[in-house]
Amino acid sequence: MTASSAAPAPSEKGAEVGRRIGVGLMYGLWKPRVLGAWRVPATGPVIYAVNHAHNIDGPMVMGVAPRPTHFLIKKEAFVGPLGRFLTGIGQLPVDRHSADRTAIGQALGVLADGGVLGIFPEGTRGEGDFASLRAGLAYFAVRGGAPIVPVAVLGSTDRPGRLIKALPPLRSRVDVVFGDPFDAGDGSGRRTRKALDEATERIQKQLTAHLENARRLTGR
């Protein structure tokens, strides 16, 4: 399947609107500390691989990242006004329980257009430690020819807020650490199951090392 055979990729303009909204919300409600954003390539396709321990991790990255981001988000979130809003700001619904050809095509379209794709490689919210990766990240990196930038969000789960328990305390510090970009493939361009499995192993080592370094750097 080629990207052109699926629904068109979301617009960069919509994602930029989302980034600006995220800037206002994230810096208005919390105190983000952003480290290493200069490592993100200024142009060309990029994949952010983000650990996922809290619901604000995605919006936080959208708001502090140097480039507008199109996140793959579970389709269950695309309901009613929220769904229309997420679509309007260039986010991509994905069915986590099947091979979602539309989402795959749209995500590859983002990369083909030189955009930034955001992925939670653990698939669902959990400990946020990159302990269990799905193969989708390797597929997009190899097929889309995009470097991966590891992103560690730390502090979002330290303690619940007093006013809203489901959110971090207002004005608390959340650290977002961007790592060095790296290529997941072995340079051969192979997309066999074995090649993707090997790429996934390489990715996991890189992401785990980045998270450990981010924790040392921030004292988290």
N, C-alpha and C. Protein backbone atom coordinates (compact mmCIF):
# COMPACT_ATOMS: atom_id res chain seq x y z
N MET A 1 0.84 -1.20 0.00
CA MET A 1 0.00 0.00 0.00
C MET A 1 0.86 1.24 0.00
N THR A 2 0.52 2.20 -0.83
CA THR A 2 1.22 3.47 -0.83
C THR A 2 0.40 4.49 -0.08
N ALA A 3 1.07 5.56 0.34
CA ALA A 3 0.37 6.59 1.09
C ALA A 3 -0.75 7.20 0.25
N SER A 4 -0.55 7.27 -1.07
CA SER A 4 -1.53 7.91 -1.91
C SER A 4 -2.81 7.12 -2.03
N SER A 5 -2.80 5.82 -1.68
CA SER A 5 -3.98 4.99 -1.81
C SER A 5 -4.91 5.16 -0.63
N ALA A 6 -4.50 5.87 0.40
CA ALA A 6 -5.32 6.06 1.58
C ALA A 6 -5.82 7.49 1.63
N ALA A 7 -6.48 7.84 2.73
CA ALA A 7 -6.95 9.21 2.91
C ALA A 7 -5.76 10.16 2.89
N PRO A 8 -5.98 11.40 2.45
CA PRO A 8 -4.87 12.35 2.36
C PRO A 8 -4.27 12.63 3.73
N ALA A 9 -2.98 12.94 3.74
CA ALA A 9 -2.31 13.27 4.99
C ALA A 9 -2.88 14.58 5.54
N PRO A 10 -2.93 14.71 6.85
CA PRO A 10 -3.45 15.95 7.45
C PRO A 10 -2.52 17.11 7.13
N SER A 11 -3.08 18.31 7.21
CA SER A 11 -2.31 19.48 6.81
C SER A 11 -1.34 19.92 7.90
N GLU A 12 -0.22 20.47 7.45
CA GLU A 12 0.76 21.04 8.37
C GLU A 12 0.17 22.26 9.07
N LYS A 13 -0.70 22.97 8.37
CA LYS A 13 -1.31 24.18 8.94
C LYS A 13 -2.15 23.82 10.18
N GLY A 14 -2.91 22.73 10.09
CA GLY A 14 -3.71 22.31 11.23
C GLY A 14 -2.84 21.93 12.42
N ALA A 15 -1.75 21.21 12.15
CA ALA A 15 -0.85 20.81 13.23
C ALA A 15 -0.16 22.02 13.85
N GLU A 16 0.12 23.05 13.06
CA GLU A 16 0.72 24.27 13.59
C GLU A 16 -0.27 25.00 14.51
N VAL A 17 -1.55 25.00 14.13
CA VAL A 17 -2.57 25.56 15.02
C VAL A 17 -2.59 24.79 16.34
N GLY A 18 -2.52 23.46 16.25
CA GLY A 18 -2.48 22.64 17.46
C GLY A 18 -1.27 22.95 18.31
N ARG A 19 -0.12 23.18 17.66
CA ARG A 19 1.09 23.49 18.42
C ARG A 19 0.93 24.81 19.17
N ARG A 20 0.33 25.79 18.52
CA ARG A 20 0.16 27.10 19.17
C ARG A 20 -0.81 27.01 20.34
N ILE A 21 -1.88 26.24 20.17
CA ILE A 21 -2.81 26.02 21.28
C ILE A 21 -2.08 25.32 22.43
N GLY A 22 -1.28 24.32 22.06
CA GLY A 22 -0.53 23.58 23.08
C GLY A 22 0.45 24.46 23.83
N VAL A 23 1.09 25.39 23.13
CA VAL A 23 2.02 26.31 23.79
C VAL A 23 1.30 27.08 24.89
N GLY A 24 0.14 27.63 24.56
CA GLY A 24 -0.61 28.41 25.53
C GLY A 24 -1.07 27.59 26.71
N LEU A 25 -1.59 26.40 26.44
CA LEU A 25 -2.12 25.57 27.52
C LEU A 25 -1.02 25.00 28.40
N MET A 26 0.00 24.43 27.79
CA MET A 26 1.03 23.76 28.58
C MET A 26 1.83 24.74 29.42
N TYR A 27 2.20 25.88 28.83
CA TYR A 27 2.96 26.86 29.59
C TYR A 27 2.06 27.66 30.54
N GLY A 28 0.77 27.69 30.23
CA GLY A 28 -0.15 28.39 31.11
C GLY A 28 -0.52 27.58 32.35
N LEU A 29 -0.64 26.27 32.20
CA LEU A 29 -1.09 25.42 33.30
C LEU A 29 0.06 24.80 34.09
N TRP A 30 1.18 24.52 33.41
CA TRP A 30 2.32 23.87 34.07
C TRP A 30 3.61 24.65 33.78
N LYS A 31 4.71 24.11 34.21
CA LYS A 31 6.01 24.77 34.00
C LYS A 31 6.94 23.80 33.27
N PRO A 32 6.75 23.67 31.96
CA PRO A 32 7.60 22.74 31.21
C PRO A 32 9.07 23.19 31.21
N ARG A 33 9.95 22.21 31.36
CA ARG A 33 11.38 22.45 31.16
C ARG A 33 11.80 21.59 29.97
N VAL A 34 12.20 22.23 28.90
CA VAL A 34 12.50 21.53 27.66
C VAL A 34 14.00 21.47 27.44
N LEU A 35 14.49 20.26 27.25
CA LEU A 35 15.92 20.04 27.05
C LEU A 35 16.17 19.32 25.73
N GLY A 36 17.14 19.79 24.97
CA GLY A 36 17.56 19.09 23.76
C GLY A 36 16.70 19.33 22.53
N ALA A 37 15.79 20.31 22.56
CA ALA A 37 14.93 20.55 21.40
C ALA A 37 15.75 20.87 20.15
N TRP A 38 16.96 21.41 20.35
CA TRP A 38 17.82 21.74 19.21
C TRP A 38 18.26 20.50 18.44
N ARG A 39 18.09 19.32 19.05
CA ARG A 39 18.48 18.08 18.36
C ARG A 39 17.49 17.68 17.26
N VAL A 40 16.30 18.21 17.29
CA VAL A 40 15.29 17.85 16.29
C VAL A 40 15.67 18.42 14.93
N PRO A 41 15.79 17.60 13.89
CA PRO A 41 16.11 18.14 12.56
C PRO A 41 15.12 19.22 12.16
N ALA A 42 15.63 20.30 11.61
CA ALA A 42 14.79 21.46 11.30
C ALA A 42 13.86 21.20 10.12
N THR A 43 14.24 20.30 9.24
CA THR A 43 13.42 19.99 8.06
C THR A 43 13.45 18.49 7.82
N GLY A 44 12.53 18.04 6.96
CA GLY A 44 12.50 16.64 6.57
C GLY A 44 11.68 15.79 7.53
N PRO A 45 11.38 14.56 7.12
CA PRO A 45 10.54 13.68 7.95
C PRO A 45 11.23 13.30 9.25
N VAL A 46 10.47 13.27 10.33
CA VAL A 46 10.98 12.92 11.65
C VAL A 46 9.88 12.16 12.38
N ILE A 47 10.28 11.20 13.21
CA ILE A 47 9.34 10.52 14.09
C ILE A 47 9.73 10.79 15.54
N TYR A 48 8.81 11.33 16.32
CA TYR A 48 9.02 11.43 17.76
C TYR A 48 8.52 10.13 18.39
N ALA A 49 9.39 9.46 19.13
CA ALA A 49 9.01 8.27 19.90
C ALA A 49 8.90 8.69 21.35
N VAL A 50 7.68 8.77 21.86
CA VAL A 50 7.40 9.39 23.15
C VAL A 50 6.97 8.34 24.17
N ASN A 51 7.57 8.36 25.36
CA ASN A 51 7.07 7.47 26.42
C ASN A 51 5.70 7.97 26.86
N HIS A 52 4.89 7.08 27.41
CA HIS A 52 3.48 7.44 27.64
C HIS A 52 3.03 6.94 29.00
N ALA A 53 3.07 7.84 29.98
CA ALA A 53 2.63 7.49 31.33
C ALA A 53 1.40 8.27 31.76
N HIS A 54 1.08 9.36 31.05
CA HIS A 54 -0.03 10.22 31.45
C HIS A 54 -0.70 10.81 30.21
N ASN A 55 -1.98 11.14 30.35
CA ASN A 55 -2.73 11.68 29.21
C ASN A 55 -2.19 13.01 28.71
N ILE A 56 -1.48 13.76 29.54
CA ILE A 56 -0.99 15.06 29.06
C ILE A 56 0.33 14.94 28.29
N ASP A 57 0.91 13.73 28.23
CA ASP A 57 2.21 13.59 27.58
C ASP A 57 2.18 14.03 26.12
N GLY A 58 1.15 13.61 25.39
CA GLY A 58 1.04 14.00 23.99
C GLY A 58 0.85 15.50 23.81
N PRO A 59 -0.17 16.09 24.48
CA PRO A 59 -0.33 17.55 24.37
C PRO A 59 0.90 18.32 24.82
N MET A 60 1.61 17.80 25.83
CA MET A 60 2.81 18.48 26.31
C MET A 60 3.86 18.52 25.20
N VAL A 61 4.08 17.39 24.53
CA VAL A 61 5.07 17.36 23.45
C VAL A 61 4.62 18.27 22.30
N MET A 62 3.33 18.23 21.96
CA MET A 62 2.82 19.11 20.90
C MET A 62 3.11 20.57 21.21
N GLY A 63 2.97 20.95 22.48
CA GLY A 63 3.13 22.34 22.86
C GLY A 63 4.56 22.82 22.98
N VAL A 64 5.49 21.91 23.27
CA VAL A 64 6.87 22.35 23.51
C VAL A 64 7.82 21.99 22.36
N ALA A 65 7.39 21.10 21.46
CA ALA A 65 8.27 20.68 20.36
C ALA A 65 8.51 21.83 19.39
N PRO A 66 9.68 21.85 18.75
CA PRO A 66 10.00 22.95 17.84
C PRO A 66 9.27 22.90 16.51
N ARG A 67 8.65 21.75 16.18
CA ARG A 67 7.93 21.62 14.92
C ARG A 67 6.53 21.07 15.18
N PRO A 68 5.55 21.44 14.35
CA PRO A 68 4.19 20.90 14.53
C PRO A 68 4.18 19.39 14.36
N THR A 69 3.35 18.72 15.16
CA THR A 69 3.39 17.26 15.24
C THR A 69 2.03 16.65 14.95
N HIS A 70 2.04 15.56 14.19
CA HIS A 70 0.85 14.77 13.91
C HIS A 70 0.95 13.47 14.72
N PHE A 71 0.19 13.37 15.79
CA PHE A 71 0.23 12.17 16.62
C PHE A 71 -0.77 11.12 16.13
N LEU A 72 -0.36 9.86 16.19
CA LEU A 72 -1.30 8.75 16.06
C LEU A 72 -1.98 8.57 17.41
N ILE A 73 -3.30 8.74 17.45
CA ILE A 73 -4.06 8.70 18.69
C ILE A 73 -5.18 7.66 18.56
N LYS A 74 -5.44 6.93 19.61
CA LYS A 74 -6.47 5.90 19.57
C LYS A 74 -7.79 6.48 19.08
N LYS A 75 -8.46 5.73 18.21
CA LYS A 75 -9.67 6.25 17.56
C LYS A 75 -10.78 6.51 18.55
N GLU A 76 -10.73 5.87 19.72
CA GLU A 76 -11.78 6.08 20.72
C GLU A 76 -11.85 7.53 21.20
N ALA A 77 -10.74 8.28 21.03
CA ALA A 77 -10.72 9.68 21.46
C ALA A 77 -11.44 10.58 20.47
N PHE A 78 -11.66 10.10 19.24
CA PHE A 78 -12.24 10.93 18.19
C PHE A 78 -13.77 10.82 18.21
N VAL A 79 -14.36 11.37 19.27
CA VAL A 79 -15.80 11.32 19.44
C VAL A 79 -16.33 12.74 19.64
N GLY A 80 -17.38 13.09 18.92
CA GLY A 80 -18.05 14.37 19.12
C GLY A 80 -17.13 15.55 18.86
N PRO A 81 -17.32 16.63 19.63
CA PRO A 81 -16.51 17.85 19.43
C PRO A 81 -15.01 17.61 19.57
N LEU A 82 -14.61 16.74 20.52
CA LEU A 82 -13.18 16.46 20.68
C LEU A 82 -12.61 15.83 19.42
N GLY A 83 -13.37 14.91 18.82
CA GLY A 83 -12.90 14.28 17.59
C GLY A 83 -12.71 15.28 16.47
N ARG A 84 -13.66 16.19 16.33
CA ARG A 84 -13.55 17.21 15.28
C ARG A 84 -12.37 18.14 15.55
N PHE A 85 -12.15 18.45 16.82
CA PHE A 85 -11.02 19.29 17.18
C PHE A 85 -9.69 18.60 16.86
N LEU A 86 -9.56 17.33 17.25
CA LEU A 86 -8.32 16.60 16.99
C LEU A 86 -8.04 16.48 15.49
N THR A 87 -9.08 16.23 14.72
CA THR A 87 -8.91 16.16 13.27
C THR A 87 -8.49 17.52 12.72
N GLY A 88 -9.09 18.59 13.26
CA GLY A 88 -8.79 19.93 12.79
C GLY A 88 -7.36 20.35 13.05
N ILE A 89 -6.76 19.82 14.11
CA ILE A 89 -5.37 20.18 14.41
C ILE A 89 -4.39 19.10 13.92
N GLY A 90 -4.85 18.31 12.96
CA GLY A 90 -3.93 17.43 12.24
C GLY A 90 -3.53 16.14 12.93
N GLN A 91 -4.36 15.68 13.88
CA GLN A 91 -4.02 14.43 14.56
C GLN A 91 -4.68 13.26 13.84
N LEU A 92 -4.14 12.06 14.02
CA LEU A 92 -4.54 10.90 13.23
C LEU A 92 -5.19 9.83 14.09
N PRO A 93 -6.45 9.46 13.81
CA PRO A 93 -7.08 8.36 14.56
C PRO A 93 -6.54 7.02 14.09
N VAL A 94 -6.31 6.11 15.02
CA VAL A 94 -5.80 4.79 14.66
C VAL A 94 -6.53 3.72 15.48
N ASP A 95 -6.89 2.65 14.80
CA ASP A 95 -7.48 1.48 15.46
C ASP A 95 -6.32 0.62 15.96
N ARG A 96 -6.16 0.55 17.29
CA ARG A 96 -5.02 -0.17 17.87
C ARG A 96 -5.18 -1.67 17.80
N HIS A 97 -6.37 -2.14 17.41
CA HIS A 97 -6.64 -3.58 17.48
C HIS A 97 -6.65 -4.25 16.11
N SER A 98 -6.28 -3.50 15.08
CA SER A 98 -6.25 -4.09 13.74
C SER A 98 -5.22 -3.35 12.90
N ALA A 99 -4.96 -3.89 11.71
CA ALA A 99 -4.06 -3.20 10.78
C ALA A 99 -4.86 -2.09 10.11
N ASP A 100 -4.77 -0.90 10.65
CA ASP A 100 -5.56 0.24 10.20
C ASP A 100 -4.91 0.85 8.97
N ARG A 101 -5.37 0.44 7.79
CA ARG A 101 -4.72 0.85 6.54
C ARG A 101 -4.85 2.35 6.30
N THR A 102 -5.97 2.93 6.72
CA THR A 102 -6.14 4.37 6.54
C THR A 102 -5.14 5.14 7.38
N ALA A 103 -5.01 4.74 8.65
CA ALA A 103 -4.05 5.42 9.54
C ALA A 103 -2.63 5.24 9.04
N ILE A 104 -2.31 4.03 8.58
CA ILE A 104 -0.97 3.75 8.07
C ILE A 104 -0.67 4.66 6.87
N GLY A 105 -1.63 4.74 5.96
CA GLY A 105 -1.44 5.58 4.79
C GLY A 105 -1.29 7.06 5.13
N GLN A 106 -2.10 7.53 6.08
CA GLN A 106 -1.99 8.93 6.48
C GLN A 106 -0.65 9.21 7.17
N ALA A 107 -0.23 8.29 8.01
CA ALA A 107 1.05 8.49 8.72
C ALA A 107 2.22 8.50 7.74
N LEU A 108 2.20 7.59 6.77
CA LEU A 108 3.25 7.59 5.75
C LEU A 108 3.18 8.86 4.90
N GLY A 109 1.96 9.38 4.71
CA GLY A 109 1.79 10.62 3.97
C GLY A 109 2.42 11.80 4.69
N VAL A 110 2.29 11.83 6.02
CA VAL A 110 2.94 12.87 6.82
C VAL A 110 4.45 12.85 6.58
N LEU A 111 5.03 11.66 6.64
CA LEU A 111 6.48 11.53 6.45
C LEU A 111 6.88 11.86 5.02
N ALA A 112 6.08 11.41 4.05
CA ALA A 112 6.39 11.70 2.65
C ALA A 112 6.37 13.20 2.37
N ASP A 113 5.55 13.93 3.13
CA ASP A 113 5.48 15.38 2.97
C ASP A 113 6.54 16.11 3.80
N GLY A 114 7.42 15.35 4.46
CA GLY A 114 8.49 15.97 5.24
C GLY A 114 8.03 16.46 6.60
N GLY A 115 6.94 15.87 7.13
CA GLY A 115 6.40 16.31 8.40
C GLY A 115 6.89 15.47 9.58
N VAL A 116 6.34 15.80 10.75
CA VAL A 116 6.70 15.13 12.00
C VAL A 116 5.55 14.25 12.47
N LEU A 117 5.85 12.97 12.65
CA LEU A 117 4.88 12.00 13.14
C LEU A 117 5.18 11.67 14.59
N GLY A 118 4.18 11.77 15.46
CA GLY A 118 4.37 11.42 16.86
C GLY A 118 3.77 10.06 17.16
N ILE A 119 4.54 9.21 17.83
CA ILE A 119 4.09 7.85 18.13
C ILE A 119 4.40 7.52 19.60
N PHE A 120 3.43 6.88 20.24
CA PHE A 120 3.67 6.28 21.55
C PHE A 120 3.99 4.81 21.28
N PRO A 121 5.27 4.44 21.22
CA PRO A 121 5.62 3.09 20.76
C PRO A 121 5.18 1.97 21.69
N GLU A 122 4.81 2.30 22.94
CA GLU A 122 4.32 1.26 23.85
C GLU A 122 2.87 0.90 23.56
N GLY A 123 2.23 1.69 22.70
CA GLY A 123 0.87 1.35 22.28
C GLY A 123 -0.21 1.92 23.18
N THR A 124 -0.08 1.75 24.49
CA THR A 124 -1.05 2.26 25.44
C THR A 124 -0.33 2.93 26.59
N ARG A 125 -1.07 3.71 27.36
CA ARG A 125 -0.48 4.37 28.52
C ARG A 125 -0.10 3.32 29.56
N GLY A 126 1.11 3.45 30.12
CA GLY A 126 1.57 2.49 31.11
C GLY A 126 2.60 3.11 32.03
N GLU A 127 3.70 2.39 32.23
CA GLU A 127 4.75 2.90 33.11
C GLU A 127 5.59 3.98 32.44
N GLY A 128 5.50 4.04 31.11
CA GLY A 128 6.26 5.07 30.40
C GLY A 128 7.75 4.79 30.37
N ASP A 129 8.12 3.50 30.40
CA ASP A 129 9.54 3.15 30.47
C ASP A 129 10.06 2.46 29.22
N PHE A 130 9.26 2.46 28.14
CA PHE A 130 9.65 1.83 26.87
C PHE A 130 9.94 0.34 27.02
N ALA A 131 9.35 -0.32 28.04
CA ALA A 131 9.67 -1.72 28.28
C ALA A 131 9.07 -2.65 27.23
N SER A 132 7.96 -2.24 26.63
CA SER A 132 7.30 -3.10 25.66
C SER A 132 6.95 -2.30 24.42
N LEU A 133 7.66 -2.54 23.34
CA LEU A 133 7.43 -1.78 22.11
C LEU A 133 6.65 -2.61 21.10
N ARG A 134 5.80 -1.92 20.35
CA ARG A 134 5.14 -2.56 19.23
C ARG A 134 5.95 -2.33 17.96
N ALA A 135 5.71 -3.15 16.95
CA ALA A 135 6.52 -3.09 15.74
C ALA A 135 6.19 -1.91 14.85
N GLY A 136 5.08 -1.20 15.12
CA GLY A 136 4.66 -0.12 14.24
C GLY A 136 5.69 0.97 14.08
N LEU A 137 6.39 1.31 15.16
CA LEU A 137 7.40 2.36 15.09
C LEU A 137 8.49 1.99 14.10
N ALA A 138 8.97 0.75 14.17
CA ALA A 138 10.02 0.31 13.24
C ALA A 138 9.51 0.36 11.80
N TYR A 139 8.27 -0.05 11.59
CA TYR A 139 7.70 -0.04 10.24
C TYR A 139 7.70 1.37 9.66
N PHE A 140 7.19 2.33 10.42
CA PHE A 140 7.11 3.70 9.92
C PHE A 140 8.50 4.29 9.69
N ALA A 141 9.43 3.98 10.58
CA ALA A 141 10.77 4.53 10.45
C ALA A 141 11.47 3.99 9.20
N VAL A 142 11.36 2.68 8.98
CA VAL A 142 12.03 2.05 7.85
C VAL A 142 11.30 2.38 6.54
N ARG A 143 9.99 2.22 6.54
CA ARG A 143 9.21 2.47 5.32
C ARG A 143 9.22 3.96 4.97
N GLY A 144 9.14 4.84 5.97
CA GLY A 144 9.08 6.27 5.70
C GLY A 144 10.43 6.93 5.58
N GLY A 145 11.52 6.17 5.82
CA GLY A 145 12.86 6.74 5.70
C GLY A 145 13.09 7.90 6.64
N ALA A 146 12.53 7.80 7.85
CA ALA A 146 12.60 8.93 8.79
C ALA A 146 13.44 8.58 10.01
N PRO A 147 14.29 9.50 10.45
CA PRO A 147 15.01 9.28 11.71
C PRO A 147 14.04 9.36 12.89
N ILE A 148 14.39 8.66 13.95
CA ILE A 148 13.60 8.67 15.17
C ILE A 148 14.26 9.59 16.18
N VAL A 149 13.48 10.47 16.78
CA VAL A 149 13.96 11.30 17.89
C VAL A 149 13.28 10.80 19.16
N PRO A 150 14.04 10.22 20.09
CA PRO A 150 13.42 9.78 21.35
C PRO A 150 13.03 10.97 22.20
N VAL A 151 11.87 10.89 22.83
CA VAL A 151 11.37 11.98 23.67
C VAL A 151 10.92 11.39 25.01
N ALA A 152 11.49 11.89 26.09
CA ALA A 152 11.12 11.45 27.43
C ALA A 152 10.34 12.56 28.13
N VAL A 153 9.12 12.24 28.56
CA VAL A 153 8.32 13.16 29.36
C VAL A 153 8.36 12.67 30.80
N LEU A 154 8.87 13.49 31.69
CA LEU A 154 9.08 13.09 33.08
C LEU A 154 8.42 14.10 34.02
N GLY A 155 7.75 13.58 35.03
CA GLY A 155 7.13 14.45 36.03
C GLY A 155 5.63 14.53 35.93
N SER A 156 5.05 14.01 34.85
CA SER A 156 3.60 14.13 34.68
C SER A 156 2.83 13.22 35.63
N THR A 157 3.50 12.20 36.18
CA THR A 157 2.82 11.27 37.09
C THR A 157 3.37 11.32 38.51
N ASP A 158 4.17 12.33 38.82
CA ASP A 158 4.78 12.38 40.16
C ASP A 158 3.73 12.39 41.27
N ARG A 159 2.71 13.21 41.11
CA ARG A 159 1.65 13.26 42.12
C ARG A 159 0.40 13.87 41.48
N PRO A 160 -0.79 13.54 41.99
CA PRO A 160 -2.03 14.08 41.41
C PRO A 160 -2.24 15.53 41.84
N GLY A 161 -2.98 16.26 41.03
CA GLY A 161 -3.31 17.63 41.38
C GLY A 161 -4.34 17.69 42.49
N ARG A 162 -4.37 18.80 43.20
CA ARG A 162 -5.33 18.94 44.30
C ARG A 162 -6.72 19.28 43.78
N LEU A 163 -6.79 20.09 42.72
CA LEU A 163 -8.08 20.47 42.17
C LEU A 163 -8.64 19.41 41.24
N ILE A 164 -7.78 18.91 40.36
CA ILE A 164 -8.19 17.87 39.41
C ILE A 164 -7.23 16.70 39.56
N LYS A 165 -7.70 15.63 40.18
CA LYS A 165 -6.82 14.49 40.51
C LYS A 165 -6.22 13.84 39.27
N ALA A 166 -6.92 13.93 38.14
CA ALA A 166 -6.45 13.25 36.93
C ALA A 166 -5.32 14.01 36.23
N LEU A 167 -4.97 15.21 36.72
CA LEU A 167 -3.93 16.01 36.10
C LEU A 167 -2.81 16.27 37.09
N PRO A 168 -1.60 16.53 36.60
CA PRO A 168 -0.52 16.95 37.50
C PRO A 168 -0.90 18.26 38.18
N PRO A 169 -0.33 18.54 39.35
CA PRO A 169 -0.64 19.81 40.02
C PRO A 169 -0.36 21.01 39.12
N LEU A 170 -1.26 21.98 39.15
CA LEU A 170 -1.06 23.19 38.34
C LEU A 170 0.24 23.87 38.72
N ARG A 171 0.93 24.36 37.72
CA ARG A 171 2.21 25.05 37.85
C ARG A 171 3.34 24.13 38.32
N SER A 172 3.13 22.83 38.30
CA SER A 172 4.24 21.92 38.63
C SER A 172 5.14 21.76 37.41
N ARG A 173 6.37 21.32 37.65
CA ARG A 173 7.33 21.20 36.56
C ARG A 173 7.21 19.85 35.87
N VAL A 174 7.20 19.90 34.57
CA VAL A 174 7.24 18.69 33.75
C VAL A 174 8.42 18.82 32.80
N ASP A 175 9.28 17.81 32.81
CA ASP A 175 10.46 17.84 31.95
C ASP A 175 10.19 17.10 30.65
N VAL A 176 10.62 17.69 29.54
CA VAL A 176 10.55 17.04 28.23
C VAL A 176 11.95 17.05 27.64
N VAL A 177 12.50 15.86 27.44
CA VAL A 177 13.90 15.74 26.99
C VAL A 177 13.94 15.09 25.62
N PHE A 178 14.46 15.82 24.64
CA PHE A 178 14.63 15.30 23.28
C PHE A 178 16.02 14.71 23.14
N GLY A 179 16.10 13.54 22.50
CA GLY A 179 17.39 12.89 22.31
C GLY A 179 17.93 13.07 20.90
N ASP A 180 19.07 12.47 20.65
CA ASP A 180 19.67 12.54 19.32
C ASP A 180 18.89 11.68 18.33
N PRO A 181 18.67 12.17 17.11
CA PRO A 181 17.98 11.36 16.10
C PRO A 181 18.84 10.18 15.69
N PHE A 182 18.17 9.07 15.36
CA PHE A 182 18.89 7.89 14.90
C PHE A 182 18.05 7.15 13.88
N ASP A 183 18.73 6.35 13.04
CA ASP A 183 18.04 5.54 12.04
C ASP A 183 17.78 4.15 12.60
N ALA A 184 16.56 3.66 12.39
CA ALA A 184 16.19 2.36 12.93
C ALA A 184 16.67 1.20 12.07
N GLY A 185 16.74 1.43 10.77
CA GLY A 185 17.12 0.35 9.86
C GLY A 185 18.61 0.06 9.87
N ASP A 186 18.97 -0.98 9.15
CA ASP A 186 20.38 -1.36 9.08
C ASP A 186 21.05 -0.82 7.83
N GLY A 187 20.33 0.02 7.10
CA GLY A 187 20.89 0.61 5.89
C GLY A 187 20.60 -0.17 4.62
N SER A 188 20.03 -1.35 4.76
CA SER A 188 19.77 -2.20 3.59
C SER A 188 18.44 -1.86 2.93
N GLY A 189 17.56 -1.18 3.65
CA GLY A 189 16.24 -0.88 3.12
C GLY A 189 15.27 -2.05 3.20
N ARG A 190 15.69 -3.17 3.79
CA ARG A 190 14.82 -4.34 3.91
C ARG A 190 13.63 -4.05 4.82
N ARG A 191 12.44 -4.60 4.44
CA ARG A 191 11.25 -4.43 5.27
C ARG A 191 10.63 -5.78 5.59
N THR A 192 11.46 -6.81 5.66
CA THR A 192 10.97 -8.13 6.02
C THR A 192 10.64 -8.16 7.51
N ARG A 193 9.91 -9.20 7.93
CA ARG A 193 9.57 -9.33 9.34
C ARG A 193 10.84 -9.40 10.19
N LYS A 194 11.85 -10.13 9.70
CA LYS A 194 13.11 -10.24 10.45
C LYS A 194 13.78 -8.87 10.57
N ALA A 195 13.78 -8.11 9.48
CA ALA A 195 14.42 -6.79 9.50
C ALA A 195 13.70 -5.86 10.47
N LEU A 196 12.37 -5.93 10.49
CA LEU A 196 11.61 -5.07 11.39
C LEU A 196 11.78 -5.48 12.85
N ASP A 197 11.89 -6.79 13.08
CA ASP A 197 12.15 -7.27 14.44
C ASP A 197 13.51 -6.77 14.93
N GLU A 198 14.50 -6.84 14.06
CA GLU A 198 15.84 -6.35 14.42
C GLU A 198 15.82 -4.85 14.65
N ALA A 199 15.06 -4.13 13.81
CA ALA A 199 14.95 -2.68 13.99
C ALA A 199 14.28 -2.35 15.31
N THR A 200 13.26 -3.12 15.67
CA THR A 200 12.57 -2.89 16.95
C THR A 200 13.52 -3.08 18.12
N GLU A 201 14.39 -4.07 18.03
CA GLU A 201 15.38 -4.29 19.10
C GLU A 201 16.34 -3.11 19.20
N ARG A 202 16.79 -2.61 18.05
CA ARG A 202 17.69 -1.44 18.06
C ARG A 202 16.98 -0.23 18.65
N ILE A 203 15.72 -0.05 18.27
CA ILE A 203 14.96 1.09 18.78
C ILE A 203 14.81 1.01 20.29
N GLN A 204 14.48 -0.18 20.79
CA GLN A 204 14.25 -0.31 22.23
C GLN A 204 15.52 0.03 23.03
N LYS A 205 16.65 -0.41 22.54
CA LYS A 205 17.91 -0.09 23.22
C LYS A 205 18.16 1.41 23.24
N GLN A 206 17.91 2.05 22.11
CA GLN A 206 18.14 3.50 22.02
C GLN A 206 17.17 4.26 22.94
N LEU A 207 15.90 3.87 22.93
CA LEU A 207 14.91 4.59 23.73
C LEU A 207 15.15 4.38 25.22
N THR A 208 15.50 3.15 25.60
CA THR A 208 15.78 2.87 27.00
C THR A 208 16.98 3.66 27.49
N ALA A 209 18.03 3.71 26.66
CA ALA A 209 19.23 4.48 27.02
C ALA A 209 18.90 5.96 27.14
N HIS A 210 18.07 6.47 26.24
CA HIS A 210 17.70 7.89 26.31
C HIS A 210 16.92 8.18 27.59
N LEU A 211 16.00 7.30 27.94
CA LEU A 211 15.20 7.52 29.14
C LEU A 211 16.08 7.52 30.39
N GLU A 212 17.03 6.60 30.44
CA GLU A 212 17.95 6.57 31.59
C GLU A 212 18.77 7.85 31.66
N ASN A 213 19.24 8.31 30.51
CA ASN A 213 20.03 9.54 30.47
C ASN A 213 19.16 10.73 30.88
N ALA A 214 17.90 10.77 30.40
CA ALA A 214 17.01 11.87 30.73
C ALA A 214 16.74 11.92 32.23
N ARG A 215 16.61 10.75 32.86
CA ARG A 215 16.38 10.72 34.29
C ARG A 215 17.59 11.22 35.07
N ARG A 216 18.77 10.85 34.60
CA ARG A 216 19.98 11.36 35.26
C ARG A 216 20.09 12.88 35.08
N LEU A 217 19.78 13.33 33.88
CA LEU A 217 19.92 14.74 33.55
C LEU A 217 18.97 15.61 34.38
N THR A 218 17.75 15.10 34.59
CA THR A 218 16.72 15.90 35.27
C THR A 218 16.60 15.59 36.77
N GLY A 219 17.24 14.51 37.20
CA GLY A 219 17.11 14.11 38.60
C GLY A 219 15.77 13.48 38.92
N ARG A 220 15.07 12.98 37.89
CA ARG A 220 13.75 12.38 38.09
C ARG A 220 13.89 10.90 38.45
